[in-house]
Amino acid sequence: MKIQILEETKDKLKFKMLNTRVTVPEMLQKQLLTHKEVVNASGLMKHPEDKDSIFILQTKNANPKEILVKSIEELQKEINNFKDEMLKAIPEENKVKGTKKKAK
């Protein structure tokens, strides 16, 4: 997945998420809205068959690009925690090769 910046001001960031439709943009939107500096985080698709999503992020007293990066990092951590917990829940004998948790 790639992000293309379409418009950027001190309190607004309009960007396109390439090759992603609904799930990831919705997850990102929810994460963005957890930040008190976010005034608006909305996504749209121009056409139902379009593979890209356009996002508008507006902030107050914060750099929208910094909030975007922070939200992506938080979401990545949440996804990794989810993966780890799910893998722990699967009995060893039922695991598929390659799903064992790597030692850190």
PDB file of N, CA and C in Angstrom:
ATOM      1  N   MET A   1       0.848  -1.172   0.000  1.00  0.00           N
ATOM      2  CA  MET A   1       0.000   0.000   0.000  1.00  0.00           C
ATOM      3  C   MET A   1       0.892   1.234   0.000  1.00  0.00           C
ATOM      4  N   LYS A   2       0.475   2.225  -0.722  1.00  0.00           N
ATOM      5  CA  LYS A   2       1.198   3.495  -0.766  1.00  0.00           C
ATOM      6  C   LYS A   2       0.237   4.629  -0.460  1.00  0.00           C
ATOM      7  N   ILE A   3       0.811   5.724   0.039  1.00  0.00           N
ATOM      8  CA  ILE A   3       0.031   6.925   0.305  1.00  0.00           C
ATOM      9  C   ILE A   3       0.574   8.040  -0.575  1.00  0.00           C
ATOM     10  N   GLN A   4      -0.325   8.710  -1.262  1.00  0.00           N
ATOM     11  CA  GLN A   4       0.045   9.831  -2.129  1.00  0.00           C
ATOM     12  C   GLN A   4      -0.566  11.100  -1.541  1.00  0.00           C
ATOM     13  N   ILE A   5       0.276  12.086  -1.207  1.00  0.00           N
ATOM     14  CA  ILE A   5      -0.204  13.355  -0.665  1.00  0.00           C
ATOM     15  C   ILE A   5      -0.787  14.181  -1.806  1.00  0.00           C
ATOM     16  N   LEU A   6      -2.033  14.613  -1.637  1.00  0.00           N
ATOM     17  CA  LEU A   6      -2.704  15.405  -2.666  1.00  0.00           C
ATOM     18  C   LEU A   6      -2.705  16.899  -2.330  1.00  0.00           C
ATOM     19  N   GLU A   7      -2.802  17.188  -1.043  1.00  0.00           N
ATOM     20  CA  GLU A   7      -2.863  18.575  -0.591  1.00  0.00           C
ATOM     21  C   GLU A   7      -2.391  18.629   0.860  1.00  0.00           C
ATOM     22  N   GLU A   8      -1.618  19.674   1.182  1.00  0.00           N
ATOM     23  CA  GLU A   8      -1.117  19.784   2.549  1.00  0.00           C
ATOM     24  C   GLU A   8      -1.043  21.251   2.962  1.00  0.00           C
ATOM     25  N   THR A   9      -1.643  21.534   4.113  1.00  0.00           N
ATOM     26  CA  THR A   9      -1.531  22.853   4.729  1.00  0.00           C
ATOM     27  C   THR A   9      -1.134  22.625   6.183  1.00  0.00           C
ATOM     28  N   LYS A  10      -1.043  23.689   6.974  1.00  0.00           N
ATOM     29  CA  LYS A  10      -0.605  23.523   8.367  1.00  0.00           C
ATOM     30  C   LYS A  10      -1.592  22.734   9.213  1.00  0.00           C
ATOM     31  N   ASP A  11      -2.869  22.699   8.814  1.00  0.00           N
ATOM     32  CA  ASP A  11      -3.859  21.974   9.614  1.00  0.00           C
ATOM     33  C   ASP A  11      -4.726  21.000   8.810  1.00  0.00           C
ATOM     34  N   LYS A  12      -4.323  20.736   7.562  1.00  0.00           N
ATOM     35  CA  LYS A  12      -5.123  19.828   6.730  1.00  0.00           C
ATOM     36  C   LYS A  12      -4.201  19.001   5.840  1.00  0.00           C
ATOM     37  N   LEU A  13      -4.555  17.729   5.724  1.00  0.00           N
ATOM     38  CA  LEU A  13      -3.818  16.817   4.863  1.00  0.00           C
ATOM     39  C   LEU A  13      -4.834  16.008   4.068  1.00  0.00           C
ATOM     40  N   LYS A  14      -4.724  16.109   2.763  1.00  0.00           N
ATOM     41  CA  LYS A  14      -5.578  15.313   1.878  1.00  0.00           C
ATOM     42  C   LYS A  14      -4.648  14.330   1.183  1.00  0.00           C
ATOM     43  N   PHE A  15      -4.964  13.043   1.319  1.00  0.00           N
ATOM     44  CA  PHE A  15      -4.086  12.028   0.727  1.00  0.00           C
ATOM     45  C   PHE A  15      -4.906  10.882   0.160  1.00  0.00           C
ATOM     46  N   LYS A  16      -4.255  10.146  -0.727  1.00  0.00           N
ATOM     47  CA  LYS A  16      -4.884   8.997  -1.366  1.00  0.00           C
ATOM     48  C   LYS A  16      -4.168   7.745  -0.888  1.00  0.00           C
ATOM     49  N   MET A  17      -4.947   6.777  -0.444  1.00  0.00           N
ATOM     50  CA  MET A  17      -4.415   5.470  -0.072  1.00  0.00           C
ATOM     51  C   MET A  17      -4.607   4.574  -1.286  1.00  0.00           C
ATOM     52  N   LEU A  18      -3.496   4.176  -1.897  1.00  0.00           N
ATOM     53  CA  LEU A  18      -3.557   3.405  -3.130  1.00  0.00           C
ATOM     54  C   LEU A  18      -3.780   1.918  -2.863  1.00  0.00           C
ATOM     55  N   ASN A  19      -4.621   1.326  -3.667  1.00  0.00           N
ATOM     56  CA  ASN A  19      -4.919  -0.107  -3.625  1.00  0.00           C
ATOM     57  C   ASN A  19      -5.465  -0.589  -2.278  1.00  0.00           C
ATOM     58  N   THR A  20      -6.300   0.202  -1.688  1.00  0.00           N
ATOM     59  CA  THR A  20      -6.992  -0.226  -0.465  1.00  0.00           C
ATOM     60  C   THR A  20      -8.402   0.344  -0.498  1.00  0.00           C
ATOM     61  N   ARG A  21      -9.349  -0.434  -0.051  1.00  0.00           N
ATOM     62  CA  ARG A  21     -10.728  -0.013  -0.217  1.00  0.00           C
ATOM     63  C   ARG A  21     -11.398   0.416   1.079  1.00  0.00           C
ATOM     64  N   VAL A  22     -11.792  -0.503   1.927  1.00  0.00           N
ATOM     65  CA  VAL A  22     -12.632  -0.141   3.060  1.00  0.00           C
ATOM     66  C   VAL A  22     -11.978  -0.433   4.410  1.00  0.00           C
ATOM     67  N   THR A  23     -11.519  -1.628   4.624  1.00  0.00           N
ATOM     68  CA  THR A  23     -11.083  -2.057   5.954  1.00  0.00           C
ATOM     69  C   THR A  23      -9.956  -1.210   6.525  1.00  0.00           C
ATOM     70  N   VAL A  24      -8.868  -1.075   5.802  1.00  0.00           N
ATOM     71  CA  VAL A  24      -7.726  -0.309   6.310  1.00  0.00           C
ATOM     72  C   VAL A  24      -8.082   1.165   6.505  1.00  0.00           C
ATOM     73  N   PRO A  25      -8.747   1.805   5.548  1.00  0.00           N
ATOM     74  CA  PRO A  25      -9.139   3.198   5.793  1.00  0.00           C
ATOM     75  C   PRO A  25     -10.037   3.366   7.016  1.00  0.00           C
ATOM     76  N   GLU A  26     -10.952   2.437   7.249  1.00  0.00           N
ATOM     77  CA  GLU A  26     -11.817   2.529   8.431  1.00  0.00           C
ATOM     78  C   GLU A  26     -11.012   2.370   9.717  1.00  0.00           C
ATOM     79  N   MET A  27     -10.064   1.454   9.715  1.00  0.00           N
ATOM     80  CA  MET A  27      -9.216   1.265  10.893  1.00  0.00           C
ATOM     81  C   MET A  27      -8.389   2.520  11.157  1.00  0.00           C
ATOM     82  N   LEU A  28      -7.843   3.096  10.091  1.00  0.00           N
ATOM     83  CA  LEU A  28      -7.047   4.313  10.231  1.00  0.00           C
ATOM     84  C   LEU A  28      -7.907   5.468  10.728  1.00  0.00           C
ATOM     85  N   GLN A  29      -9.094   5.592  10.190  1.00  0.00           N
ATOM     86  CA  GLN A  29      -9.990   6.673  10.616  1.00  0.00           C
ATOM     87  C   GLN A  29     -10.281   6.578  12.113  1.00  0.00           C
ATOM     88  N   LYS A  30     -10.597   5.382  12.591  1.00  0.00           N
ATOM     89  CA  LYS A  30     -10.876   5.201  14.024  1.00  0.00           C
ATOM     90  C   LYS A  30      -9.667   5.574  14.872  1.00  0.00           C
ATOM     91  N   GLN A  31      -8.481   5.188  14.404  1.00  0.00           N
ATOM     92  CA  GLN A  31      -7.272   5.501  15.164  1.00  0.00           C
ATOM     93  C   GLN A  31      -7.000   7.005  15.156  1.00  0.00           C
ATOM     94  N   LEU A  32      -7.167   7.649  14.029  1.00  0.00           N
ATOM     95  CA  LEU A  32      -6.962   9.102  13.940  1.00  0.00           C
ATOM     96  C   LEU A  32      -7.897   9.840  14.899  1.00  0.00           C
ATOM     97  N   LEU A  33      -9.124   9.384  14.984  1.00  0.00           N
ATOM     98  CA  LEU A  33     -10.120  10.067  15.815  1.00  0.00           C
ATOM     99  C   LEU A  33      -9.885   9.895  17.315  1.00  0.00           C
ATOM    100  N   THR A  34      -8.917   9.066  17.689  1.00  0.00           N
ATOM    101  CA  THR A  34      -8.581   8.946  19.114  1.00  0.00           C
ATOM    102  C   THR A  34      -7.723  10.115  19.584  1.00  0.00           C
ATOM    103  N   HIS A  35      -7.201  10.891  18.658  1.00  0.00           N
ATOM    104  CA  HIS A  35      -6.337  12.024  19.000  1.00  0.00           C
ATOM    105  C   HIS A  35      -7.177  13.295  19.166  1.00  0.00           C
ATOM    106  N   LYS A  36      -7.005  13.953  20.299  1.00  0.00           N
ATOM    107  CA  LYS A  36      -7.815  15.144  20.598  1.00  0.00           C
ATOM    108  C   LYS A  36      -7.563  16.277  19.613  1.00  0.00           C
ATOM    109  N   GLU A  37      -6.415  16.275  18.943  1.00  0.00           N
ATOM    110  CA  GLU A  37      -6.099  17.333  17.980  1.00  0.00           C
ATOM    111  C   GLU A  37      -6.830  17.167  16.650  1.00  0.00           C
ATOM    112  N   VAL A  38      -7.409  16.008  16.428  1.00  0.00           N
ATOM    113  CA  VAL A  38      -8.084  15.736  15.154  1.00  0.00           C
ATOM    114  C   VAL A  38      -9.492  16.316  15.180  1.00  0.00           C
ATOM    115  N   VAL A  39      -9.746  17.199  14.217  1.00  0.00           N
ATOM    116  CA  VAL A  39     -11.049  17.835  14.073  1.00  0.00           C
ATOM    117  C   VAL A  39     -11.922  16.998  13.128  1.00  0.00           C
ATOM    118  N   ASN A  40     -11.298  16.448  12.092  1.00  0.00           N
ATOM    119  CA  ASN A  40     -12.026  15.669  11.094  1.00  0.00           C
ATOM    120  C   ASN A  40     -11.080  14.637  10.484  1.00  0.00           C
ATOM    121  N   ALA A  41     -11.576  13.436  10.338  1.00  0.00           N
ATOM    122  CA  ALA A  41     -10.861  12.377   9.634  1.00  0.00           C
ATOM    123  C   ALA A  41     -11.913  11.632   8.829  1.00  0.00           C
ATOM    124  N   SER A  42     -11.923  11.876   7.542  1.00  0.00           N
ATOM    125  CA  SER A  42     -12.955  11.251   6.722  1.00  0.00           C
ATOM    126  C   SER A  42     -12.359  10.703   5.434  1.00  0.00           C
ATOM    127  N   GLY A  43     -12.936   9.627   4.992  1.00  0.00           N
ATOM    128  CA  GLY A  43     -12.485   8.988   3.768  1.00  0.00           C
ATOM    129  C   GLY A  43     -13.619   8.888   2.781  1.00  0.00           C
ATOM    130  N   LEU A  44     -13.253   8.813   1.510  1.00  0.00           N
ATOM    131  CA  LEU A  44     -14.265   8.658   0.473  1.00  0.00           C
ATOM    132  C   LEU A  44     -13.695   7.912  -0.713  1.00  0.00           C
ATOM    133  N   MET A  45     -14.588   7.300  -1.438  1.00  0.00           N
ATOM    134  CA  MET A  45     -14.215   6.621  -2.671  1.00  0.00           C
ATOM    135  C   MET A  45     -15.006   7.276  -3.790  1.00  0.00           C
ATOM    136  N   LYS A  46     -14.346   7.532  -4.904  1.00  0.00           N
ATOM    137  CA  LYS A  46     -15.019   8.203  -6.011  1.00  0.00           C
ATOM    138  C   LYS A  46     -16.024   7.287  -6.705  1.00  0.00           C
ATOM    139  N   HIS A  47     -15.729   5.992  -6.737  1.00  0.00           N
ATOM    140  CA  HIS A  47     -16.577   5.033  -7.436  1.00  0.00           C
ATOM    141  C   HIS A  47     -16.475   3.690  -6.723  1.00  0.00           C
ATOM    142  N   PRO A  48     -17.558   2.911  -6.650  1.00  0.00           N
ATOM    143  CA  PRO A  48     -17.519   1.625  -5.943  1.00  0.00           C
ATOM    144  C   PRO A  48     -16.446   0.654  -6.458  1.00  0.00           C
ATOM    145  N   GLU A  49     -16.059   0.760  -7.714  1.00  0.00           N
ATOM    146  CA  GLU A  49     -15.038  -0.132  -8.259  1.00  0.00           C
ATOM    147  C   GLU A  49     -13.635   0.467  -8.173  1.00  0.00           C
ATOM    148  N   ASP A  50     -13.527   1.666  -7.637  1.00  0.00           N
ATOM    149  CA  ASP A  50     -12.230   2.316  -7.493  1.00  0.00           C
ATOM    150  C   ASP A  50     -11.420   1.577  -6.430  1.00  0.00           C
ATOM    151  N   LYS A  51     -10.136   1.375  -6.676  1.00  0.00           N
ATOM    152  CA  LYS A  51      -9.277   0.650  -5.738  1.00  0.00           C
ATOM    153  C   LYS A  51      -8.601   1.578  -4.735  1.00  0.00           C
ATOM    154  N   ASP A  52      -8.744   2.866  -4.896  1.00  0.00           N
ATOM    155  CA  ASP A  52      -8.082   3.830  -4.026  1.00  0.00           C
ATOM    156  C   ASP A  52      -9.090   4.545  -3.140  1.00  0.00           C
ATOM    157  N   SER A  53      -8.617   4.989  -1.976  1.00  0.00           N
ATOM    158  CA  SER A  53      -9.451   5.763  -1.054  1.00  0.00           C
ATOM    159  C   SER A  53      -8.809   7.127  -0.852  1.00  0.00           C
ATOM    160  N   ILE A  54      -9.624   8.162  -0.827  1.00  0.00           N
ATOM    161  CA  ILE A  54      -9.139   9.508  -0.556  1.00  0.00           C
ATOM    162  C   ILE A  54      -9.508   9.856   0.878  1.00  0.00           C
ATOM    163  N   PHE A  55      -8.571  10.466   1.571  1.00  0.00           N
ATOM    164  CA  PHE A  55      -8.729  10.784   2.981  1.00  0.00           C
ATOM    165  C   PHE A  55      -8.491  12.263   3.205  1.00  0.00           C
ATOM    166  N   ILE A  56      -9.269  12.837   4.091  1.00  0.00           N
ATOM    167  CA  ILE A  56      -9.051  14.222   4.509  1.00  0.00           C
ATOM    168  C   ILE A  56      -8.879  14.209   6.024  1.00  0.00           C
ATOM    169  N   LEU A  57      -7.755  14.752   6.469  1.00  0.00           N
ATOM    170  CA  LEU A  57      -7.435  14.819   7.888  1.00  0.00           C
ATOM    171  C   LEU A  57      -7.244  16.284   8.257  1.00  0.00           C
ATOM    172  N   GLN A  58      -8.053  16.755   9.201  1.00  0.00           N
ATOM    173  CA  GLN A  58      -7.938  18.134   9.679  1.00  0.00           C
ATOM    174  C   GLN A  58      -7.620  18.104  11.164  1.00  0.00           C
ATOM    175  N   THR A  59      -6.689  18.979  11.560  1.00  0.00           N
ATOM    176  CA  THR A  59      -6.267  19.035  12.954  1.00  0.00           C
ATOM    177  C   THR A  59      -6.342  20.461  13.479  1.00  0.00           C
ATOM    178  N   LYS A  60      -6.267  20.561  14.795  1.00  0.00           N
ATOM    179  CA  LYS A  60      -6.211  21.867  15.448  1.00  0.00           C
ATOM    180  C   LYS A  60      -4.992  21.846  16.366  1.00  0.00           C
ATOM    181  N   ASN A  61      -4.107  22.797  16.170  1.00  0.00           N
ATOM    182  CA  ASN A  61      -2.880  22.924  16.967  1.00  0.00           C
ATOM    183  C   ASN A  61      -1.960  21.708  16.855  1.00  0.00           C
ATOM    184  N   ALA A  62      -1.940  21.074  15.690  1.00  0.00           N
ATOM    185  CA  ALA A  62      -1.057  19.922  15.471  1.00  0.00           C
ATOM    186  C   ALA A  62      -0.798  19.755  13.981  1.00  0.00           C
ATOM    187  N   ASN A  63       0.363  19.213  13.677  1.00  0.00           N
ATOM    188  CA  ASN A  63       0.730  18.925  12.298  1.00  0.00           C
ATOM    189  C   ASN A  63       0.002  17.659  11.852  1.00  0.00           C
ATOM    190  N   PRO A  64      -0.843  17.738  10.819  1.00  0.00           N
ATOM    191  CA  PRO A  64      -1.619  16.557  10.419  1.00  0.00           C
ATOM    192  C   PRO A  64      -0.750  15.390   9.952  1.00  0.00           C
ATOM    193  N   LYS A  65       0.389  15.688   9.335  1.00  0.00           N
ATOM    194  CA  LYS A  65       1.262  14.602   8.881  1.00  0.00           C
ATOM    195  C   LYS A  65       1.849  13.853  10.073  1.00  0.00           C
ATOM    196  N   GLU A  66       2.206  14.586  11.123  1.00  0.00           N
ATOM    197  CA  GLU A  66       2.731  13.945  12.335  1.00  0.00           C
ATOM    198  C   GLU A  66       1.670  13.084  13.004  1.00  0.00           C
ATOM    199  N   ILE A  67       0.437  13.569  13.028  1.00  0.00           N
ATOM    200  CA  ILE A  67      -0.669  12.785  13.604  1.00  0.00           C
ATOM    201  C   ILE A  67      -0.916  11.531  12.768  1.00  0.00           C
ATOM    202  N   LEU A  68      -0.826  11.651  11.461  1.00  0.00           N
ATOM    203  CA  LEU A  68      -1.005  10.497  10.574  1.00  0.00           C
ATOM    204  C   LEU A  68       0.059   9.437  10.860  1.00  0.00           C
ATOM    205  N   VAL A  69       1.314   9.850  10.922  1.00  0.00           N
ATOM    206  CA  VAL A  69       2.402   8.904  11.184  1.00  0.00           C
ATOM    207  C   VAL A  69       2.230   8.253  12.556  1.00  0.00           C
ATOM    208  N   LYS A  70       1.903   9.043  13.557  1.00  0.00           N
ATOM    209  CA  LYS A  70       1.697   8.509  14.912  1.00  0.00           C
ATOM    210  C   LYS A  70       0.550   7.492  14.916  1.00  0.00           C
ATOM    211  N   SER A  71      -0.527   7.798  14.224  1.00  0.00           N
ATOM    212  CA  SER A  71      -1.683   6.894  14.169  1.00  0.00           C
ATOM    213  C   SER A  71      -1.339   5.599  13.448  1.00  0.00           C
ATOM    214  N   ILE A  72      -0.563   5.687  12.388  1.00  0.00           N
ATOM    215  CA  ILE A  72      -0.143   4.482  11.666  1.00  0.00           C
ATOM    216  C   ILE A  72       0.709   3.607  12.572  1.00  0.00           C
ATOM    217  N   GLU A  73       1.627   4.218  13.311  1.00  0.00           N
ATOM    218  CA  GLU A  73       2.473   3.458  14.240  1.00  0.00           C
ATOM    219  C   GLU A  73       1.639   2.805  15.339  1.00  0.00           C
ATOM    220  N   GLU A  74       0.667   3.526  15.873  1.00  0.00           N
ATOM    221  CA  GLU A  74      -0.206   2.968  16.908  1.00  0.00           C
ATOM    222  C   GLU A  74      -1.037   1.807  16.362  1.00  0.00           C
ATOM    223  N   LEU A  75      -1.535   1.976  15.167  1.00  0.00           N
ATOM    224  CA  LEU A  75      -2.340   0.932  14.540  1.00  0.00           C
ATOM    225  C   LEU A  75      -1.493  -0.310  14.263  1.00  0.00           C
ATOM    226  N   GLN A  76      -0.267  -0.101  13.815  1.00  0.00           N
ATOM    227  CA  GLN A  76       0.639  -1.228  13.566  1.00  0.00           C
ATOM    228  C   GLN A  76       0.901  -2.002  14.858  1.00  0.00           C
ATOM    229  N   LYS A  77       1.101  -1.284  15.944  1.00  0.00           N
ATOM    230  CA  LYS A  77       1.333  -1.929  17.244  1.00  0.00           C
ATOM    231  C   LYS A  77       0.098  -2.723  17.663  1.00  0.00           C
ATOM    232  N   GLU A  78      -1.069  -2.145  17.471  1.00  0.00           N
ATOM    233  CA  GLU A  78      -2.324  -2.827  17.822  1.00  0.00           C
ATOM    234  C   GLU A  78      -2.505  -4.096  16.989  1.00  0.00           C
ATOM    235  N   ILE A  79      -2.184  -4.029  15.700  1.00  0.00           N
ATOM    236  CA  ILE A  79      -2.306  -5.199  14.820  1.00  0.00           C
ATOM    237  C   ILE A  79      -1.321  -6.286  15.241  1.00  0.00           C
ATOM    238  N   ASN A  80      -0.095  -5.892  15.580  1.00  0.00           N
ATOM    239  CA  ASN A  80       0.899  -6.868  16.031  1.00  0.00           C
ATOM    240  C   ASN A  80       0.466  -7.536  17.334  1.00  0.00           C
ATOM    241  N   ASN A  81      -0.095  -6.753  18.265  1.00  0.00           N
ATOM    242  CA  ASN A  81      -0.597  -7.321  19.516  1.00  0.00           C
ATOM    243  C   ASN A  81      -1.738  -8.300  19.254  1.00  0.00           C
ATOM    244  N   PHE A  82      -2.620  -7.947  18.336  1.00  0.00           N
ATOM    245  CA  PHE A  82      -3.729  -8.824  17.968  1.00  0.00           C
ATOM    246  C   PHE A  82      -3.183 -10.141  17.414  1.00  0.00           C
ATOM    247  N   LYS A  83      -2.221 -10.051  16.507  1.00  0.00           N
ATOM    248  CA  LYS A  83      -1.612 -11.250  15.920  1.00  0.00           C
ATOM    249  C   LYS A  83      -1.004 -12.128  16.997  1.00  0.00           C
ATOM    250  N   ASP A  84      -0.220 -11.524  17.899  1.00  0.00           N
ATOM    251  CA  ASP A  84       0.421 -12.289  18.968  1.00  0.00           C
ATOM    252  C   ASP A  84      -0.603 -12.991  19.850  1.00  0.00           C
ATOM    253  N   GLU A  85      -1.652 -12.293  20.225  1.00  0.00           N
ATOM    254  CA  GLU A  85      -2.691 -12.882  21.079  1.00  0.00           C
ATOM    255  C   GLU A  85      -3.436 -14.006  20.364  1.00  0.00           C
ATOM    256  N   MET A  86      -3.712 -13.827  19.092  1.00  0.00           N
ATOM    257  CA  MET A  86      -4.405 -14.872  18.335  1.00  0.00           C
ATOM    258  C   MET A  86      -3.529 -16.117  18.201  1.00  0.00           C
ATOM    259  N   LEU A  87      -2.241 -15.908  17.938  1.00  0.00           N
ATOM    260  CA  LEU A  87      -1.344 -17.057  17.817  1.00  0.00           C
ATOM    261  C   LEU A  87      -1.198 -17.801  19.130  1.00  0.00           C
ATOM    262  N   LYS A  88      -1.225 -17.087  20.236  1.00  0.00           N
ATOM    263  CA  LYS A  88      -1.163 -17.734  21.554  1.00  0.00           C
ATOM    264  C   LYS A  88      -2.408 -18.585  21.796  1.00  0.00           C
ATOM    265  N   ALA A  89      -3.525 -18.155  21.244  1.00  0.00           N
ATOM    266  CA  ALA A  89      -4.797 -18.837  21.489  1.00  0.00           C
ATOM    267  C   ALA A  89      -4.945 -20.131  20.685  1.00  0.00           C
ATOM    268  N   ILE A  90      -4.142 -20.297  19.654  1.00  0.00           N
ATOM    269  CA  ILE A  90      -4.236 -21.501  18.822  1.00  0.00           C
ATOM    270  C   ILE A  90      -3.353 -22.591  19.429  1.00  0.00           C
ATOM    271  N   PRO A  91      -3.927 -23.763  19.708  1.00  0.00           N
ATOM    272  CA  PRO A  91      -3.109 -24.853  20.244  1.00  0.00           C
ATOM    273  C   PRO A  91      -1.979 -25.209  19.271  1.00  0.00           C
ATOM    274  N   GLU A  92      -0.796 -25.553  19.797  1.00  0.00           N
ATOM    275  CA  GLU A  92       0.392 -25.848  18.986  1.00  0.00           C
ATOM    276  C   GLU A  92       0.096 -26.852  17.875  1.00  0.00           C
ATOM    277  N   GLU A  93      -0.645 -27.917  18.203  1.00  0.00           N
ATOM    278  CA  GLU A  93      -0.887 -28.971  17.218  1.00  0.00           C
ATOM    279  C   GLU A  93      -1.767 -28.506  16.054  1.00  0.00           C
ATOM    280  N   ASN A  94      -2.448 -27.390  16.208  1.00  0.00           N
ATOM    281  CA  ASN A  94      -3.324 -26.871  15.151  1.00  0.00           C
ATOM    282  C   ASN A  94      -2.691 -25.745  14.340  1.00  0.00           C
ATOM    283  N   LYS A  95      -1.487 -25.336  14.703  1.00  0.00           N
ATOM    284  CA  LYS A  95      -0.846 -24.221  14.004  1.00  0.00           C
ATOM    285  C   LYS A  95      -0.343 -24.647  12.641  1.00  0.00           C
ATOM    286  N   VAL A  96      -0.404 -23.734  11.713  1.00  0.00           N
ATOM    287  CA  VAL A  96       0.123 -23.949  10.357  1.00  0.00           C
ATOM    288  C   VAL A  96       1.592 -23.572  10.381  1.00  0.00           C
ATOM    289  N   LYS A  97       2.399 -24.267   9.602  1.00  0.00           N
ATOM    290  CA  LYS A  97       3.832 -23.943   9.547  1.00  0.00           C
ATOM    291  C   LYS A  97       4.019 -22.470   9.233  1.00  0.00           C
ATOM    292  N   GLY A  98       4.984 -21.861   9.925  1.00  0.00           N
ATOM    293  CA  GLY A  98       5.294 -20.455   9.681  1.00  0.00           C
ATOM    294  C   GLY A  98       4.534 -19.506  10.558  1.00  0.00           C
ATOM    295  N   THR A  99       3.629 -20.004  11.421  1.00  0.00           N
ATOM    296  CA  THR A  99       2.850 -19.105  12.278  1.00  0.00           C
ATOM    297  C   THR A  99       3.372 -19.065  13.699  1.00  0.00           C
ATOM    298  N   LYS A 100       4.393 -19.844  13.993  1.00  0.00           N
ATOM    299  CA  LYS A 100       4.927 -19.816  15.352  1.00  0.00           C
ATOM    300  C   LYS A 100       5.532 -18.457  15.631  1.00  0.00           C
ATOM    301  N   LYS A 101       5.342 -17.991  16.834  1.00  0.00           N
ATOM    302  CA  LYS A 101       5.861 -16.692  17.238  1.00  0.00           C
ATOM    303  C   LYS A 101       7.388 -16.772  17.308  1.00  0.00           C
ATOM    304  N   LYS A 102       8.039 -15.824  16.656  1.00  0.00           N
ATOM    305  CA  LYS A 102       9.494 -15.771  16.662  1.00  0.00           C
ATOM    306  C   LYS A 102       9.991 -15.253  17.988  1.00  0.00           C
ATOM    307  N   ALA A 103      11.101 -15.808  18.452  1.00  0.00           N
ATOM    308  CA  ALA A 103      11.715 -15.333  19.697  1.00  0.00           C
ATOM    309  C   ALA A 103      12.299 -13.960  19.475  1.00  0.00           C
ATOM    310  N   LYS A 104      12.119 -13.094  20.475  1.00  0.00           N
ATOM    311  CA  LYS A 104      12.628 -11.725  20.355  1.00  0.00           C
ATOM    312  C   LYS A 104      13.949 -11.584  21.061  1.00  0.00           C
TER     313      LYS A 104
END
